[in-house]
Amino acid sequence: MTDLANGTNHLYSPTEDPGAASTNPVARPQPGSAPMQWYRGTKPRFYRPYLIRVVNRTDTMMEFVFLHARTGADLKLSKPTFEIAYHDGRYAYSALPSTAPKARPGTAQSCGLLFMSDLYIQELPEADRAALRGTGNGEGKYPYSAGQYAELVTRLHAEVGGRLSAEDEADVASLLELLKSVA
């Protein structure tokens, strides 16, 4: 079993050291290179990191390609590119630790991480979701989207979302984060 916390199997991994976090977009990551690091303490709730290559970006929309989390290759999905309203908090988290909003399409710094919500990911065809899960290591490790509990967490969030007070939803979110950390 590889240690994803140390980035030995993925092209990105979390870190507890804010000074070690990557804050800039990068060239296409390659296996064997040092992994991109994102500061775990800034990870927003209910968002998961996805490695992407930005093809085009406006002030509100981003066109991108999902990349394989271990090889950096473009994933062959149902469409050649996808679009996301990357400042819309329902779909993405555009501040750090996301680095893709700073990416410069068409340059060497066109790749980065974008933390996306399950709301966005669930709108993708099942085959695309399966391909994204297949790029991860599973075992409940990062990215959580590839973990063995991802489906359960997504289902629980869908069942209780919108029916709880903001305080209760924050408590549920904290509990889910705790469960993820020990998975």
Protein backbone atom coordinates (compact mmCIF):
# COMPACT_ATOMS: atom_id res chain seq x y z
CA MET A 1 0.00 0.00 0.00
CA THR A 2 1.44 3.36 -0.93
CA ASP A 3 1.41 6.31 1.43
CA LEU A 4 -0.66 8.99 -0.28
CA ALA A 5 -0.12 11.39 2.60
CA ASN A 6 3.49 11.56 1.45
CA GLY A 7 2.48 11.78 -2.21
CA THR A 8 4.19 8.58 -3.26
CA ASN A 9 1.39 7.43 -5.56
CA HIS A 10 -0.41 10.59 -6.66
CA LEU A 11 0.74 13.72 -8.40
CA TYR A 12 -0.75 15.74 -5.54
CA SER A 13 -1.20 15.23 -1.82
CA PRO A 14 -2.19 17.10 1.34
CA THR A 15 0.30 18.57 3.77
CA GLU A 16 -0.03 19.76 7.35
CA ASP A 17 2.68 22.38 6.71
CA PRO A 18 1.22 25.56 5.18
CA GLY A 19 4.69 26.61 4.03
CA ALA A 20 5.05 23.44 1.97
CA ALA A 21 1.78 23.98 0.09
CA SER A 22 1.86 24.67 -3.64
CA THR A 23 0.07 27.92 -4.42
CA ASN A 24 0.77 28.26 -8.13
CA PRO A 25 -0.38 26.36 -11.21
CA VAL A 26 2.13 23.98 -12.73
CA ALA A 27 3.15 22.33 -15.97
CA ARG A 28 1.59 18.93 -16.59
CA PRO A 29 2.70 16.81 -13.63
CA GLN A 30 4.70 13.68 -14.40
CA PRO A 31 5.08 10.44 -12.45
CA GLY A 32 8.19 10.47 -10.31
CA SER A 33 8.24 14.24 -9.92
CA ALA A 34 7.64 15.87 -6.55
CA PRO A 35 3.88 15.93 -5.88
CA MET A 36 1.93 19.16 -5.76
CA GLN A 37 1.11 19.88 -2.11
CA TRP A 38 -2.10 21.50 -0.88
CA TYR A 39 -2.50 22.68 2.68
CA ARG A 40 -4.97 20.39 4.35
CA GLY A 41 -6.04 23.08 6.85
CA THR A 42 -7.60 25.19 4.08
CA LYS A 43 -9.60 22.44 2.41
CA PRO A 44 -13.22 23.55 2.28
CA ARG A 45 -16.02 21.22 3.35
CA PHE A 46 -17.72 19.01 0.76
CA TYR A 47 -15.18 19.72 -1.96
CA ARG A 48 -12.66 17.25 -3.34
CA PRO A 49 -9.45 17.93 -5.26
CA TYR A 50 -9.28 17.14 -8.96
CA LEU A 51 -6.19 17.54 -11.11
CA ILE A 52 -7.09 19.47 -14.25
CA ARG A 53 -5.56 21.21 -17.27
CA VAL A 54 -7.19 24.57 -18.00
CA VAL A 55 -7.95 25.04 -21.70
CA ASN A 56 -9.71 28.40 -21.49
CA ARG A 57 -10.82 30.72 -18.70
CA THR A 58 -12.94 33.84 -18.41
CA ASP A 59 -13.81 35.80 -15.28
CA THR A 60 -16.62 33.36 -14.50
CA MET A 61 -16.19 30.16 -16.54
CA MET A 62 -13.38 27.67 -16.92
CA GLU A 63 -13.01 25.10 -19.70
CA PHE A 64 -10.81 22.22 -18.61
CA VAL A 65 -9.71 18.61 -19.05
CA PHE A 66 -9.58 16.16 -16.15
CA LEU A 67 -6.11 14.64 -15.70
CA HIS A 68 -5.22 11.22 -14.34
CA ALA A 69 -4.21 11.64 -10.68
CA ARG A 70 -1.22 9.28 -11.00
CA THR A 71 0.02 9.81 -14.56
CA GLY A 72 -0.99 13.36 -15.48
CA ALA A 73 -2.45 12.15 -18.80
CA ASP A 74 -5.71 13.58 -20.14
CA LEU A 75 -8.61 11.38 -19.14
CA LYS A 76 -10.70 10.11 -22.04
CA LEU A 77 -14.22 10.94 -20.89
CA SER A 78 -17.58 11.56 -22.55
CA LYS A 79 -16.52 15.02 -23.76
CA PRO A 80 -13.11 16.35 -24.76
CA THR A 81 -13.48 19.31 -22.34
CA PHE A 82 -15.75 20.34 -19.48
CA GLU A 83 -16.94 23.72 -18.24
CA ILE A 84 -17.51 24.94 -14.71
CA ALA A 85 -18.57 28.22 -13.15
CA TYR A 86 -15.51 28.12 -10.95
CA HIS A 87 -16.49 31.03 -8.69
CA ASP A 88 -19.91 29.49 -7.99
CA GLY A 89 -19.54 27.87 -4.59
CA ARG A 90 -22.18 25.29 -5.43
CA TYR A 91 -19.74 23.73 -7.90
CA ALA A 92 -16.19 24.74 -7.05
CA TYR A 93 -13.96 26.41 -4.50
CA SER A 94 -11.92 29.01 -6.35
CA ALA A 95 -9.62 30.13 -3.51
CA LEU A 96 -6.57 28.27 -2.20
CA PRO A 97 -6.00 25.37 -1.99
CA SER A 98 -7.40 25.39 -5.56
CA THR A 99 -4.61 26.48 -7.90
CA ALA A 100 -6.38 25.98 -11.25
CA PRO A 101 -8.05 29.44 -11.16
CA LYS A 102 -4.55 30.92 -11.48
CA ALA A 103 -3.58 28.66 -14.39
CA ARG A 104 -2.58 30.27 -17.66
CA PRO A 105 -4.12 28.34 -20.57
CA GLY A 106 -1.73 27.62 -23.42
CA THR A 107 1.39 28.02 -21.27
CA ALA A 108 3.50 25.63 -19.22
CA GLN A 109 1.50 26.68 -16.14
CA SER A 110 -1.87 25.38 -17.38
CA CYS A 111 -2.43 22.65 -14.78
CA GLY A 112 -3.58 22.75 -11.19
CA LEU A 113 -6.01 21.49 -8.61
CA LEU A 114 -9.64 22.51 -8.53
CA PHE A 115 -11.71 21.58 -5.52
CA MET A 116 -15.13 20.60 -6.89
CA SER A 117 -18.36 19.78 -5.13
CA ASP A 118 -20.18 16.50 -5.42
CA LEU A 119 -23.04 18.51 -6.92
CA TYR A 120 -20.88 19.15 -10.00
CA ILE A 121 -19.41 15.65 -10.13
CA GLN A 122 -22.81 13.96 -9.77
CA GLU A 123 -23.99 15.78 -12.90
CA LEU A 124 -21.36 13.92 -14.95
CA PRO A 125 -22.31 10.66 -16.68
CA GLU A 126 -21.74 7.56 -14.53
CA ALA A 127 -18.97 6.34 -16.86
CA ASP A 128 -17.10 9.61 -16.31
CA ARG A 129 -17.52 9.37 -12.53
CA ALA A 130 -16.24 5.79 -12.63
CA ALA A 131 -13.20 6.88 -14.66
CA LEU A 132 -12.47 9.65 -12.13
CA ARG A 133 -12.77 7.20 -9.24
CA GLY A 134 -10.46 4.82 -11.11
CA THR A 135 -7.64 7.35 -11.08
CA GLY A 136 -7.46 7.23 -7.28
CA ASN A 137 -6.04 4.69 -4.90
CA GLY A 138 -9.25 4.01 -2.98
CA GLU A 139 -8.97 2.73 0.56
CA GLY A 140 -10.60 5.93 1.85
CA LYS A 141 -7.49 7.95 1.04
CA TYR A 142 -7.06 11.16 -0.93
CA PRO A 143 -8.66 12.04 -3.15
CA TYR A 144 -11.77 11.22 -1.16
CA SER A 145 -13.62 10.94 -4.45
CA ALA A 146 -11.79 7.66 -4.96
CA GLY A 147 -12.23 6.38 -1.43
CA GLN A 148 -14.36 3.44 -0.35
CA TYR A 149 -16.66 5.76 1.65
CA ALA A 150 -17.17 8.37 -1.08
CA GLU A 151 -20.52 6.97 -2.18
CA LEU A 152 -21.79 6.77 1.42
CA VAL A 153 -20.69 10.33 2.19
CA THR A 154 -22.28 11.62 -1.02
CA ARG A 155 -25.54 9.81 -0.25
CA LEU A 156 -25.64 11.07 3.35
CA HIS A 157 -24.99 14.63 2.24
CA ALA A 158 -27.75 14.39 -0.40
CA GLU A 159 -30.24 12.96 2.12
CA VAL A 160 -29.68 15.57 4.82
CA GLY A 161 -28.71 18.55 2.67
CA GLY A 162 -31.20 21.40 2.78
CA ARG A 163 -33.24 19.90 5.63
CA LEU A 164 -30.93 20.85 8.48
CA SER A 165 -30.24 24.14 10.15
CA ALA A 166 -26.91 25.73 9.27
CA GLU A 167 -25.58 24.76 12.70
CA ASP A 168 -26.68 21.13 12.36
CA GLU A 169 -25.27 20.93 8.83
CA ALA A 170 -21.93 22.25 10.13
CA ASP A 171 -21.98 19.55 12.82
CA VAL A 172 -22.70 16.85 10.24
CA ALA A 173 -19.92 18.22 8.03
CA SER A 174 -17.48 18.10 10.93
CA LEU A 175 -18.50 14.53 11.69
CA LEU A 176 -18.02 13.52 8.04
CA GLU A 177 -14.58 15.16 8.01
CA LEU A 178 -13.66 13.20 11.14
CA LEU A 179 -14.87 9.96 9.55
CA LYS A 180 -12.86 10.69 6.41
CA SER A 181 -9.69 11.34 8.41
CA VAL A 182 -9.85 7.96 10.12
CA ALA A 183 -11.02 5.99 7.07
